[in-house]
Amino acid sequence: IAWFRQAPGKEREFVVVDRPFGGDTYYA
């Protein structure tokens, strides 16, 4: 499960992802 965001006048960008099976979490 990830979160992305799109600010006014900008392209959609990665924010954070939570991976399954004990995987890591990664933040922008």
mmCIF file of all heavy atoms, coordinates in Angstrom:
data_MODEL
# 
_entry.id   MODEL 
# 
loop_
_atom_site.group_PDB 
_atom_site.id 
_atom_site.type_symbol 
_atom_site.label_atom_id 
_atom_site.label_alt_id 
_atom_site.label_comp_id 
_atom_site.label_asym_id 
_atom_site.label_entity_id 
_atom_site.label_seq_id 
_atom_site.pdbx_PDB_ins_code 
_atom_site.Cartn_x 
_atom_site.Cartn_y 
_atom_site.Cartn_z 
_atom_site.occupancy 
_atom_site.B_iso_or_equiv 
_atom_site.pdbx_formal_charge 
_atom_site.auth_seq_id 
_atom_site.auth_comp_id 
_atom_site.auth_asym_id 
_atom_site.auth_atom_id 
_atom_site.pdbx_PDB_model_num 
ATOM 1   N N   . ILE A 1 1  ? 0.854  -1.181  0.000   1.00 0.00 ? 1  ILE A N   1 
ATOM 2   C CA  . ILE A 1 1  ? 0.000  0.000   0.000   1.00 0.00 ? 1  ILE A CA  1 
ATOM 3   C C   . ILE A 1 1  ? 0.892  1.233   0.000   1.00 0.00 ? 1  ILE A C   1 
ATOM 4   O O   . ILE A 1 1  ? 1.764  1.360   0.857   1.00 0.00 ? 1  ILE A O   1 
ATOM 5   C CB  . ILE A 1 1  ? -0.952 0.044   1.205   1.00 0.00 ? 1  ILE A CB  1 
ATOM 6   C CG1 . ILE A 1 1  ? -1.770 -1.256  1.308   1.00 0.00 ? 1  ILE A CG1 1 
ATOM 7   C CG2 . ILE A 1 1  ? -1.869 1.249   1.101   1.00 0.00 ? 1  ILE A CG2 1 
ATOM 8   C CD1 . ILE A 1 1  ? -2.727 -1.471  0.159   1.00 0.00 ? 1  ILE A CD1 1 
ATOM 9   N N   . ALA A 1 2  ? 0.647  2.114   -0.943  1.00 0.00 ? 2  ALA A N   1 
ATOM 10  C CA  . ALA A 1 2  ? 1.448  3.320   -1.078  1.00 0.00 ? 2  ALA A CA  1 
ATOM 11  C C   . ALA A 1 2  ? 0.563  4.547   -1.036  1.00 0.00 ? 2  ALA A C   1 
ATOM 12  O O   . ALA A 1 2  ? -0.644 4.488   -1.285  1.00 0.00 ? 2  ALA A O   1 
ATOM 13  C CB  . ALA A 1 2  ? 2.239  3.305   -2.384  1.00 0.00 ? 2  ALA A CB  1 
ATOM 14  N N   . TRP A 1 3  ? 1.185  5.668   -0.710  1.00 0.00 ? 3  TRP A N   1 
ATOM 15  C CA  . TRP A 1 3  ? 0.544  6.969   -0.829  1.00 0.00 ? 3  TRP A CA  1 
ATOM 16  C C   . TRP A 1 3  ? 1.325  7.798   -1.838  1.00 0.00 ? 3  TRP A C   1 
ATOM 17  O O   . TRP A 1 3  ? 2.559  7.858   -1.784  1.00 0.00 ? 3  TRP A O   1 
ATOM 18  C CB  . TRP A 1 3  ? 0.499  7.714   0.502   1.00 0.00 ? 3  TRP A CB  1 
ATOM 19  C CG  . TRP A 1 3  ? -0.441 7.124   1.512   1.00 0.00 ? 3  TRP A CG  1 
ATOM 20  C CD1 . TRP A 1 3  ? -0.142 6.221   2.478   1.00 0.00 ? 3  TRP A CD1 1 
ATOM 21  C CD2 . TRP A 1 3  ? -1.829 7.421   1.653   1.00 0.00 ? 3  TRP A CD2 1 
ATOM 22  N NE1 . TRP A 1 3  ? -1.258 5.928   3.219   1.00 0.00 ? 3  TRP A NE1 1 
ATOM 23  C CE2 . TRP A 1 3  ? -2.314 6.646   2.738   1.00 0.00 ? 3  TRP A CE2 1 
ATOM 24  C CE3 . TRP A 1 3  ? -2.723 8.257   0.976   1.00 0.00 ? 3  TRP A CE3 1 
ATOM 25  C CZ2 . TRP A 1 3  ? -3.647 6.693   3.153   1.00 0.00 ? 3  TRP A CZ2 1 
ATOM 26  C CZ3 . TRP A 1 3  ? -4.039 8.294   1.398   1.00 0.00 ? 3  TRP A CZ3 1 
ATOM 27  C CH2 . TRP A 1 3  ? -4.490 7.521   2.469   1.00 0.00 ? 3  TRP A CH2 1 
ATOM 28  N N   . PHE A 1 4  ? 0.590  8.410   -2.743  1.00 0.00 ? 4  PHE A N   1 
ATOM 29  C CA  . PHE A 1 4  ? 1.117  9.397   -3.667  1.00 0.00 ? 4  PHE A CA  1 
ATOM 30  C C   . PHE A 1 4  ? 0.356  10.695  -3.456  1.00 0.00 ? 4  PHE A C   1 
ATOM 31  O O   . PHE A 1 4  ? -0.724 10.705  -2.865  1.00 0.00 ? 4  PHE A O   1 
ATOM 32  C CB  . PHE A 1 4  ? 0.961  8.933   -5.120  1.00 0.00 ? 4  PHE A CB  1 
ATOM 33  C CG  . PHE A 1 4  ? 1.844  7.773   -5.505  1.00 0.00 ? 4  PHE A CG  1 
ATOM 34  C CD1 . PHE A 1 4  ? 1.522  6.476   -5.142  1.00 0.00 ? 4  PHE A CD1 1 
ATOM 35  C CD2 . PHE A 1 4  ? 2.996  7.990   -6.237  1.00 0.00 ? 4  PHE A CD2 1 
ATOM 36  C CE1 . PHE A 1 4  ? 2.328  5.410   -5.498  1.00 0.00 ? 4  PHE A CE1 1 
ATOM 37  C CE2 . PHE A 1 4  ? 3.815  6.934   -6.604  1.00 0.00 ? 4  PHE A CE2 1 
ATOM 38  C CZ  . PHE A 1 4  ? 3.482  5.646   -6.230  1.00 0.00 ? 4  PHE A CZ  1 
ATOM 39  N N   . ARG A 1 5  ? 0.920  11.769  -3.953  1.00 0.00 ? 5  ARG A N   1 
ATOM 40  C CA  . ARG A 1 5  ? 0.217  13.049  -3.860  1.00 0.00 ? 5  ARG A CA  1 
ATOM 41  C C   . ARG A 1 5  ? 0.466  13.871  -5.111  1.00 0.00 ? 5  ARG A C   1 
ATOM 42  O O   . ARG A 1 5  ? 1.479  13.720  -5.782  1.00 0.00 ? 5  ARG A O   1 
ATOM 43  C CB  . ARG A 1 5  ? 0.647  13.837  -2.619  1.00 0.00 ? 5  ARG A CB  1 
ATOM 44  C CG  . ARG A 1 5  ? 2.083  14.332  -2.647  1.00 0.00 ? 5  ARG A CG  1 
ATOM 45  C CD  . ARG A 1 5  ? 2.444  14.992  -1.329  1.00 0.00 ? 5  ARG A CD  1 
ATOM 46  N NE  . ARG A 1 5  ? 3.796  15.531  -1.337  1.00 0.00 ? 5  ARG A NE  1 
ATOM 47  C CZ  . ARG A 1 5  ? 4.390  16.077  -0.286  1.00 0.00 ? 5  ARG A CZ  1 
ATOM 48  N NH1 . ARG A 1 5  ? 3.737  16.159  0.877   1.00 0.00 ? 5  ARG A NH1 1 
ATOM 49  N NH2 . ARG A 1 5  ? 5.630  16.544  -0.382  1.00 0.00 ? 5  ARG A NH2 1 
ATOM 50  N N   . GLN A 1 6  ? -0.477 14.733  -5.395  1.00 0.00 ? 6  GLN A N   1 
ATOM 51  C CA  . GLN A 1 6  ? -0.357 15.624  -6.534  1.00 0.00 ? 6  GLN A CA  1 
ATOM 52  C C   . GLN A 1 6  ? -0.715 17.039  -6.090  1.00 0.00 ? 6  GLN A C   1 
ATOM 53  O O   . GLN A 1 6  ? -1.866 17.324  -5.763  1.00 0.00 ? 6  GLN A O   1 
ATOM 54  C CB  . GLN A 1 6  ? -1.255 15.178  -7.686  1.00 0.00 ? 6  GLN A CB  1 
ATOM 55  C CG  . GLN A 1 6  ? -1.019 15.950  -8.967  1.00 0.00 ? 6  GLN A CG  1 
ATOM 56  C CD  . GLN A 1 6  ? -1.592 15.247  -10.180 1.00 0.00 ? 6  GLN A CD  1 
ATOM 57  O OE1 . GLN A 1 6  ? -2.426 14.354  -10.062 1.00 0.00 ? 6  GLN A OE1 1 
ATOM 58  N NE2 . GLN A 1 6  ? -1.143 15.637  -11.352 1.00 0.00 ? 6  GLN A NE2 1 
ATOM 59  N N   . ALA A 1 7  ? 0.281  17.896  -6.083  1.00 0.00 ? 7  ALA A N   1 
ATOM 60  C CA  . ALA A 1 7  ? 0.104  19.282  -5.687  1.00 0.00 ? 7  ALA A CA  1 
ATOM 61  C C   . ALA A 1 7  ? -0.346 20.107  -6.886  1.00 0.00 ? 7  ALA A C   1 
ATOM 62  O O   . ALA A 1 7  ? -0.123 19.714  -8.040  1.00 0.00 ? 7  ALA A O   1 
ATOM 63  C CB  . ALA A 1 7  ? 1.402  19.833  -5.121  1.00 0.00 ? 7  ALA A CB  1 
ATOM 64  N N   . PRO A 1 8  ? -0.952 21.257  -6.627  1.00 0.00 ? 8  PRO A N   1 
ATOM 65  C CA  . PRO A 1 8  ? -1.371 22.111  -7.741  1.00 0.00 ? 8  PRO A CA  1 
ATOM 66  C C   . PRO A 1 8  ? -0.206 22.455  -8.660  1.00 0.00 ? 8  PRO A C   1 
ATOM 67  O O   . PRO A 1 8  ? 0.847  22.903  -8.200  1.00 0.00 ? 8  PRO A O   1 
ATOM 68  C CB  . PRO A 1 8  ? -1.913 23.360  -7.043  1.00 0.00 ? 8  PRO A CB  1 
ATOM 69  C CG  . PRO A 1 8  ? -2.337 22.872  -5.697  1.00 0.00 ? 8  PRO A CG  1 
ATOM 70  C CD  . PRO A 1 8  ? -1.340 21.824  -5.330  1.00 0.00 ? 8  PRO A CD  1 
ATOM 71  N N   . GLY A 1 9  ? -0.392 22.226  -9.936  1.00 0.00 ? 9  GLY A N   1 
ATOM 72  C CA  . GLY A 1 9  ? 0.626  22.552  -10.916 1.00 0.00 ? 9  GLY A CA  1 
ATOM 73  C C   . GLY A 1 9  ? 1.801  21.610  -10.970 1.00 0.00 ? 9  GLY A C   1 
ATOM 74  O O   . GLY A 1 9  ? 2.766  21.880  -11.697 1.00 0.00 ? 9  GLY A O   1 
ATOM 75  N N   . LYS A 1 10 ? 1.753  20.515  -10.229 1.00 0.00 ? 10 LYS A N   1 
ATOM 76  C CA  . LYS A 1 10 ? 2.856  19.568  -10.210 1.00 0.00 ? 10 LYS A CA  1 
ATOM 77  C C   . LYS A 1 10 ? 2.379  18.173  -10.590 1.00 0.00 ? 10 LYS A C   1 
ATOM 78  O O   . LYS A 1 10 ? 1.189  17.874  -10.572 1.00 0.00 ? 10 LYS A O   1 
ATOM 79  C CB  . LYS A 1 10 ? 3.514  19.534  -8.831  1.00 0.00 ? 10 LYS A CB  1 
ATOM 80  C CG  . LYS A 1 10 ? 4.212  20.824  -8.439  1.00 0.00 ? 10 LYS A CG  1 
ATOM 81  C CD  . LYS A 1 10 ? 4.997  20.646  -7.153  1.00 0.00 ? 10 LYS A CD  1 
ATOM 82  C CE  . LYS A 1 10 ? 5.771  21.895  -6.804  1.00 0.00 ? 10 LYS A CE  1 
ATOM 83  N NZ  . LYS A 1 10 ? 6.572  21.713  -5.563  1.00 0.00 ? 10 LYS A NZ  1 
ATOM 84  N N   . GLU A 1 11 ? 3.338  17.330  -10.910 1.00 0.00 ? 11 GLU A N   1 
ATOM 85  C CA  . GLU A 1 11 ? 3.029  15.947  -11.232 1.00 0.00 ? 11 GLU A CA  1 
ATOM 86  C C   . GLU A 1 11 ? 2.880  15.120  -9.964  1.00 0.00 ? 11 GLU A C   1 
ATOM 87  O O   . GLU A 1 11 ? 3.364  15.493  -8.892  1.00 0.00 ? 11 GLU A O   1 
ATOM 88  C CB  . GLU A 1 11 ? 4.113  15.364  -12.131 1.00 0.00 ? 11 GLU A CB  1 
ATOM 89  C CG  . GLU A 1 11 ? 4.251  16.080  -13.459 1.00 0.00 ? 11 GLU A CG  1 
ATOM 90  C CD  . GLU A 1 11 ? 5.064  15.308  -14.464 1.00 0.00 ? 11 GLU A CD  1 
ATOM 91  O OE1 . GLU A 1 11 ? 5.213  14.080  -14.307 1.00 0.00 ? 11 GLU A OE1 1 
ATOM 92  O OE2 . GLU A 1 11 ? 5.543  15.927  -15.418 1.00 0.00 ? 11 GLU A OE2 1 
ATOM 93  N N   . ARG A 1 12 ? 2.194  14.012  -10.100 1.00 0.00 ? 12 ARG A N   1 
ATOM 94  C CA  . ARG A 1 12 ? 2.004  13.129  -8.967  1.00 0.00 ? 12 ARG A CA  1 
ATOM 95  C C   . ARG A 1 12 ? 3.339  12.559  -8.491  1.00 0.00 ? 12 ARG A C   1 
ATOM 96  O O   . ARG A 1 12 ? 4.170  12.145  -9.308  1.00 0.00 ? 12 ARG A O   1 
ATOM 97  C CB  . ARG A 1 12 ? 1.045  12.000  -9.351  1.00 0.00 ? 12 ARG A CB  1 
ATOM 98  C CG  . ARG A 1 12 ? 0.556  11.181  -8.170  1.00 0.00 ? 12 ARG A CG  1 
ATOM 99  C CD  . ARG A 1 12 ? -0.589 10.258  -8.581  1.00 0.00 ? 12 ARG A CD  1 
ATOM 100 N NE  . ARG A 1 12 ? -1.731 11.006  -9.074  1.00 0.00 ? 12 ARG A NE  1 
ATOM 101 C CZ  . ARG A 1 12 ? -2.886 10.454  -9.421  1.00 0.00 ? 12 ARG A CZ  1 
ATOM 102 N NH1 . ARG A 1 12 ? -3.050 9.132   -9.323  1.00 0.00 ? 12 ARG A NH1 1 
ATOM 103 N NH2 . ARG A 1 12 ? -3.875 11.208  -9.869  1.00 0.00 ? 12 ARG A NH2 1 
ATOM 104 N N   . GLU A 1 13 ? 3.539  12.553  -7.184  1.00 0.00 ? 13 GLU A N   1 
ATOM 105 C CA  . GLU A 1 13 ? 4.800  12.104  -6.637  1.00 0.00 ? 13 GLU A CA  1 
ATOM 106 C C   . GLU A 1 13 ? 4.595  11.081  -5.523  1.00 0.00 ? 13 GLU A C   1 
ATOM 107 O O   . GLU A 1 13 ? 3.585  11.084  -4.817  1.00 0.00 ? 13 GLU A O   1 
ATOM 108 C CB  . GLU A 1 13 ? 5.622  13.284  -6.106  1.00 0.00 ? 13 GLU A CB  1 
ATOM 109 C CG  . GLU A 1 13 ? 5.012  13.985  -4.910  1.00 0.00 ? 13 GLU A CG  1 
ATOM 110 C CD  . GLU A 1 13 ? 5.905  15.064  -4.330  1.00 0.00 ? 13 GLU A CD  1 
ATOM 111 O OE1 . GLU A 1 13 ? 7.079  15.171  -4.752  1.00 0.00 ? 13 GLU A OE1 1 
ATOM 112 O OE2 . GLU A 1 13 ? 5.431  15.817  -3.453  1.00 0.00 ? 13 GLU A OE2 1 
ATOM 113 N N   . PHE A 1 14 ? 5.588  10.251  -5.361  1.00 0.00 ? 14 PHE A N   1 
ATOM 114 C CA  . PHE A 1 14 ? 5.599  9.226   -4.338  1.00 0.00 ? 14 PHE A CA  1 
ATOM 115 C C   . PHE A 1 14 ? 5.762  9.842   -2.960  1.00 0.00 ? 14 PHE A C   1 
ATOM 116 O O   . PHE A 1 14 ? 6.539  10.782  -2.774  1.00 0.00 ? 14 PHE A O   1 
ATOM 117 C CB  . PHE A 1 14 ? 6.755  8.262   -4.617  1.00 0.00 ? 14 PHE A CB  1 
ATOM 118 C CG  . PHE A 1 14 ? 7.065  7.311   -3.511  1.00 0.00 ? 14 PHE A CG  1 
ATOM 119 C CD1 . PHE A 1 14 ? 6.277  6.194   -3.295  1.00 0.00 ? 14 PHE A CD1 1 
ATOM 120 C CD2 . PHE A 1 14 ? 8.155  7.521   -2.687  1.00 0.00 ? 14 PHE A CD2 1 
ATOM 121 C CE1 . PHE A 1 14 ? 6.573  5.299   -2.277  1.00 0.00 ? 14 PHE A CE1 1 
ATOM 122 C CE2 . PHE A 1 14 ? 8.463  6.641   -1.674  1.00 0.00 ? 14 PHE A CE2 1 
ATOM 123 C CZ  . PHE A 1 14 ? 7.660  5.526   -1.469  1.00 0.00 ? 14 PHE A CZ  1 
ATOM 124 N N   . VAL A 1 15 ? 5.036  9.290   -1.984  1.00 0.00 ? 15 VAL A N   1 
ATOM 125 C CA  . VAL A 1 15 ? 5.139  9.744   -0.604  1.00 0.00 ? 15 VAL A CA  1 
ATOM 126 C C   . VAL A 1 15 ? 5.717  8.651   0.293   1.00 0.00 ? 15 VAL A C   1 
ATOM 127 O O   . VAL A 1 15 ? 6.717  8.859   0.975   1.00 0.00 ? 15 VAL A O   1 
ATOM 128 C CB  . VAL A 1 15 ? 3.771  10.198  -0.061  1.00 0.00 ? 15 VAL A CB  1 
ATOM 129 C CG1 . VAL A 1 15 ? 3.881  10.599  1.409   1.00 0.00 ? 15 VAL A CG1 1 
ATOM 130 C CG2 . VAL A 1 15 ? 3.230  11.363  -0.891  1.00 0.00 ? 15 VAL A CG2 1 
ATOM 131 N N   . VAL A 1 16 ? 5.079  7.486   0.295   1.00 0.00 ? 16 VAL A N   1 
ATOM 132 C CA  . VAL A 1 16 ? 5.507  6.390   1.159   1.00 0.00 ? 16 VAL A CA  1 
ATOM 133 C C   . VAL A 1 16 ? 4.885  5.092   0.664   1.00 0.00 ? 16 VAL A C   1 
ATOM 134 O O   . VAL A 1 16 ? 3.829  5.108   0.031   1.00 0.00 ? 16 VAL A O   1 
ATOM 135 C CB  . VAL A 1 16 ? 5.098  6.649   2.631   1.00 0.00 ? 16 VAL A CB  1 
ATOM 136 C CG1 . VAL A 1 16 ? 3.580  6.741   2.769   1.00 0.00 ? 16 VAL A CG1 1 
ATOM 137 C CG2 . VAL A 1 16 ? 5.658  5.605   3.571   1.00 0.00 ? 16 VAL A CG2 1 
ATOM 138 N N   . VAL A 1 17 ? 5.545  3.969   0.951   1.00 0.00 ? 17 VAL A N   1 
ATOM 139 C CA  . VAL A 1 17 ? 4.991  2.661   0.660   1.00 0.00 ? 17 VAL A CA  1 
ATOM 140 C C   . VAL A 1 17 ? 5.239  1.729   1.843   1.00 0.00 ? 17 VAL A C   1 
ATOM 141 O O   . VAL A 1 17 ? 6.304  1.773   2.467   1.00 0.00 ? 17 VAL A O   1 
ATOM 142 C CB  . VAL A 1 17 ? 5.574  2.059   -0.640  1.00 0.00 ? 17 VAL A CB  1 
ATOM 143 C CG1 . VAL A 1 17 ? 7.079  1.808   -0.507  1.00 0.00 ? 17 VAL A CG1 1 
ATOM 144 C CG2 . VAL A 1 17 ? 4.847  0.774   -1.021  1.00 0.00 ? 17 VAL A CG2 1 
ATOM 145 N N   . ASP A 1 18 ? 4.245  0.911   2.132   1.00 0.00 ? 18 ASP A N   1 
ATOM 146 C CA  . ASP A 1 18 ? 4.350  -0.143  3.131   1.00 0.00 ? 18 ASP A CA  1 
ATOM 147 C C   . ASP A 1 18 ? 4.243  -1.480  2.416   1.00 0.00 ? 18 ASP A C   1 
ATOM 148 O O   . ASP A 1 18 ? 3.223  -1.756  1.784   1.00 0.00 ? 18 ASP A O   1 
ATOM 149 C CB  . ASP A 1 18 ? 3.250  -0.006  4.184   1.00 0.00 ? 18 ASP A CB  1 
ATOM 150 C CG  . ASP A 1 18 ? 3.291  -1.121  5.208   1.00 0.00 ? 18 ASP A CG  1 
ATOM 151 O OD1 . ASP A 1 18 ? 4.302  -1.236  5.919   1.00 0.00 ? 18 ASP A OD1 1 
ATOM 152 O OD2 . ASP A 1 18 ? 2.305  -1.890  5.302   1.00 0.00 ? 18 ASP A OD2 1 
ATOM 153 N N   . ARG A 1 19 ? 5.277  -2.298  2.499   1.00 0.00 ? 19 ARG A N   1 
ATOM 154 C CA  . ARG A 1 19 ? 5.310  -3.559  1.771   1.00 0.00 ? 19 ARG A CA  1 
ATOM 155 C C   . ARG A 1 19 ? 4.924  -4.717  2.667   1.00 0.00 ? 19 ARG A C   1 
ATOM 156 O O   . ARG A 1 19 ? 5.163  -4.702  3.870   1.00 0.00 ? 19 ARG A O   1 
ATOM 157 C CB  . ARG A 1 19 ? 6.697  -3.777  1.173   1.00 0.00 ? 19 ARG A CB  1 
ATOM 158 C CG  . ARG A 1 19 ? 7.108  -2.657  0.210   1.00 0.00 ? 19 ARG A CG  1 
ATOM 159 C CD  . ARG A 1 19 ? 8.363  -2.988  -0.535  1.00 0.00 ? 19 ARG A CD  1 
ATOM 160 N NE  . ARG A 1 19 ? 8.147  -4.105  -1.455  1.00 0.00 ? 19 ARG A NE  1 
ATOM 161 C CZ  . ARG A 1 19 ? 9.129  -4.723  -2.110  1.00 0.00 ? 19 ARG A CZ  1 
ATOM 162 N NH1 . ARG A 1 19 ? 10.379 -4.333  -1.953  1.00 0.00 ? 19 ARG A NH1 1 
ATOM 163 N NH2 . ARG A 1 19 ? 8.835  -5.722  -2.932  1.00 0.00 ? 19 ARG A NH2 1 
ATOM 164 N N   . PRO A 1 20 ? 4.313  -5.770  2.088   1.00 0.00 ? 20 PRO A N   1 
ATOM 165 C CA  . PRO A 1 20 ? 3.861  -6.914  2.879   1.00 0.00 ? 20 PRO A CA  1 
ATOM 166 C C   . PRO A 1 20 ? 4.983  -7.897  3.166   1.00 0.00 ? 20 PRO A C   1 
ATOM 167 O O   . PRO A 1 20 ? 6.141  -7.686  2.763   1.00 0.00 ? 20 PRO A O   1 
ATOM 168 C CB  . PRO A 1 20 ? 2.796  -7.540  1.976   1.00 0.00 ? 20 PRO A CB  1 
ATOM 169 C CG  . PRO A 1 20 ? 3.311  -7.278  0.595   1.00 0.00 ? 20 PRO A CG  1 
ATOM 170 C CD  . PRO A 1 20 ? 3.934  -5.901  0.667   1.00 0.00 ? 20 PRO A CD  1 
ATOM 171 N N   . PHE A 1 21 ? 4.617  -8.968  3.861   1.00 0.00 ? 21 PHE A N   1 
ATOM 172 C CA  . PHE A 1 21 ? 5.529  -10.075 4.154   1.00 0.00 ? 21 PHE A CA  1 
ATOM 173 C C   . PHE A 1 21 ? 6.751  -9.623  4.948   1.00 0.00 ? 21 PHE A C   1 
ATOM 174 O O   . PHE A 1 21 ? 7.856  -10.134 4.751   1.00 0.00 ? 21 PHE A O   1 
ATOM 175 C CB  . PHE A 1 21 ? 5.963  -10.790 2.872   1.00 0.00 ? 21 PHE A CB  1 
ATOM 176 C CG  . PHE A 1 21 ? 4.840  -11.123 1.951   1.00 0.00 ? 21 PHE A CG  1 
ATOM 177 C CD1 . PHE A 1 21 ? 4.830  -10.628 0.658   1.00 0.00 ? 21 PHE A CD1 1 
ATOM 178 C CD2 . PHE A 1 21 ? 3.790  -11.909 2.375   1.00 0.00 ? 21 PHE A CD2 1 
ATOM 179 C CE1 . PHE A 1 21 ? 3.788  -10.937 -0.201  1.00 0.00 ? 21 PHE A CE1 1 
ATOM 180 C CE2 . PHE A 1 21 ? 2.740  -12.221 1.531   1.00 0.00 ? 21 PHE A CE2 1 
ATOM 181 C CZ  . PHE A 1 21 ? 2.745  -11.729 0.235   1.00 0.00 ? 21 PHE A CZ  1 
ATOM 182 N N   . GLY A 1 22 ? 6.556  -8.687  5.828   1.00 0.00 ? 22 GLY A N   1 
ATOM 183 C CA  . GLY A 1 22 ? 7.653  -8.196  6.639   1.00 0.00 ? 22 GLY A CA  1 
ATOM 184 C C   . GLY A 1 22 ? 8.605  -7.272  5.916   1.00 0.00 ? 22 GLY A C   1 
ATOM 185 O O   . GLY A 1 22 ? 9.712  -7.006  6.414   1.00 0.00 ? 22 GLY A O   1 
ATOM 186 N N   . GLY A 1 23 ? 8.213  -6.775  4.776   1.00 0.00 ? 23 GLY A N   1 
ATOM 187 C CA  . GLY A 1 23 ? 9.046  -5.867  4.015   1.00 0.00 ? 23 GLY A CA  1 
ATOM 188 C C   . GLY A 1 23 ? 9.180  -4.505  4.673   1.00 0.00 ? 23 GLY A C   1 
ATOM 189 O O   . GLY A 1 23 ? 8.465  -4.165  5.620   1.00 0.00 ? 23 GLY A O   1 
ATOM 190 N N   . ASP A 1 24 ? 10.078 -3.728  4.144   1.00 0.00 ? 24 ASP A N   1 
ATOM 191 C CA  . ASP A 1 24 ? 10.373 -2.424  4.720   1.00 0.00 ? 24 ASP A CA  1 
ATOM 192 C C   . ASP A 1 24 ? 9.357  -1.364  4.297   1.00 0.00 ? 24 ASP A C   1 
ATOM 193 O O   . ASP A 1 24 ? 8.573  -1.553  3.365   1.00 0.00 ? 24 ASP A O   1 
ATOM 194 C CB  . ASP A 1 24 ? 11.768 -1.968  4.304   1.00 0.00 ? 24 ASP A CB  1 
ATOM 195 C CG  . ASP A 1 24 ? 12.871 -2.795  4.926   1.00 0.00 ? 24 ASP A CG  1 
ATOM 196 O OD1 . ASP A 1 24 ? 12.649 -3.350  6.028   1.00 0.00 ? 24 ASP A OD1 1 
ATOM 197 O OD2 . ASP A 1 24 ? 13.951 -2.890  4.326   1.00 0.00 ? 24 ASP A OD2 1 
ATOM 198 N N   . THR A 1 25 ? 9.412  -0.262  5.006   1.00 0.00 ? 25 THR A N   1 
ATOM 199 C CA  . THR A 1 25 ? 8.659  0.931   4.673   1.00 0.00 ? 25 THR A CA  1 
ATOM 200 C C   . THR A 1 25 ? 9.623  1.976   4.138   1.00 0.00 ? 25 THR A C   1 
ATOM 201 O O   . THR A 1 25 ? 10.705 2.176   4.695   1.00 0.00 ? 25 THR A O   1 
ATOM 202 C CB  . THR A 1 25 ? 7.921  1.464   5.909   1.00 0.00 ? 25 THR A CB  1 
ATOM 203 O OG1 . THR A 1 25 ? 7.028  0.464   6.392   1.00 0.00 ? 25 THR A OG1 1 
ATOM 204 C CG2 . THR A 1 25 ? 7.148  2.720   5.576   1.00 0.00 ? 25 THR A CG2 1 
ATOM 205 N N   . TYR A 1 26 ? 9.236  2.639   3.062   1.00 0.00 ? 26 TYR A N   1 
ATOM 206 C CA  . TYR A 1 26 ? 10.101 3.624   2.421   1.00 0.00 ? 26 TYR A CA  1 
ATOM 207 C C   . TYR A 1 26 ? 9.370  4.947   2.293   1.00 0.00 ? 26 TYR A C   1 
ATOM 208 O O   . TYR A 1 26 ? 8.236  4.994   1.815   1.00 0.00 ? 26 TYR A O   1 
ATOM 209 C CB  . TYR A 1 26 ? 10.542 3.142   1.037   1.00 0.00 ? 26 TYR A CB  1 
ATOM 210 C CG  . TYR A 1 26 ? 11.272 1.824   1.068   1.00 0.00 ? 26 TYR A CG  1 
ATOM 211 C CD1 . TYR A 1 26 ? 10.587 0.632   0.882   1.00 0.00 ? 26 TYR A CD1 1 
ATOM 212 C CD2 . TYR A 1 26 ? 12.645 1.778   1.299   1.00 0.00 ? 26 TYR A CD2 1 
ATOM 213 C CE1 . TYR A 1 26 ? 11.256 -0.582  0.926   1.00 0.00 ? 26 TYR A CE1 1 
ATOM 214 C CE2 . TYR A 1 26 ? 13.315 0.571   1.345   1.00 0.00 ? 26 TYR A CE2 1 
ATOM 215 C CZ  . TYR A 1 26 ? 12.622 -0.611  1.158   1.00 0.00 ? 26 TYR A CZ  1 
ATOM 216 O OH  . TYR A 1 26 ? 13.282 -1.811  1.193   1.00 0.00 ? 26 TYR A OH  1 
ATOM 217 N N   . TYR A 1 27 ? 10.036 6.029   2.698   1.00 0.00 ? 27 TYR A N   1 
ATOM 218 C CA  . TYR A 1 27 ? 9.473  7.366   2.655   1.00 0.00 ? 27 TYR A CA  1 
ATOM 219 C C   . TYR A 1 27 ? 10.246 8.244   1.683   1.00 0.00 ? 27 TYR A C   1 
ATOM 220 O O   . TYR A 1 27 ? 11.473 8.144   1.576   1.00 0.00 ? 27 TYR A O   1 
ATOM 221 C CB  . TYR A 1 27 ? 9.537  8.034   4.027   1.00 0.00 ? 27 TYR A CB  1 
ATOM 222 C CG  . TYR A 1 27 ? 8.654  7.417   5.081   1.00 0.00 ? 27 TYR A CG  1 
ATOM 223 C CD1 . TYR A 1 27 ? 9.091  6.355   5.860   1.00 0.00 ? 27 TYR A CD1 1 
ATOM 224 C CD2 . TYR A 1 27 ? 7.373  7.918   5.319   1.00 0.00 ? 27 TYR A CD2 1 
ATOM 225 C CE1 . TYR A 1 27 ? 8.289  5.795   6.831   1.00 0.00 ? 27 TYR A CE1 1 
ATOM 226 C CE2 . TYR A 1 27 ? 6.561  7.367   6.296   1.00 0.00 ? 27 TYR A CE2 1 
ATOM 227 C CZ  . TYR A 1 27 ? 7.023  6.305   7.048   1.00 0.00 ? 27 TYR A CZ  1 
ATOM 228 O OH  . TYR A 1 27 ? 6.219  5.762   8.020   1.00 0.00 ? 27 TYR A OH  1 
ATOM 229 N N   . ALA A 1 28 ? 9.528  9.106   1.004   1.00 0.00 ? 28 ALA A N   1 
ATOM 230 C CA  . ALA A 1 28 ? 10.188 10.140  0.225   1.00 0.00 ? 28 ALA A CA  1 
ATOM 231 C C   . ALA A 1 28 ? 10.946 11.071  1.162   1.00 0.00 ? 28 ALA A C   1 
ATOM 232 O O   . ALA A 1 28 ? 10.525 11.327  2.291   1.00 0.00 ? 28 ALA A O   1 
ATOM 233 C CB  . ALA A 1 28 ? 9.166  10.926  -0.590  1.00 0.00 ? 28 ALA A CB  1 
# 
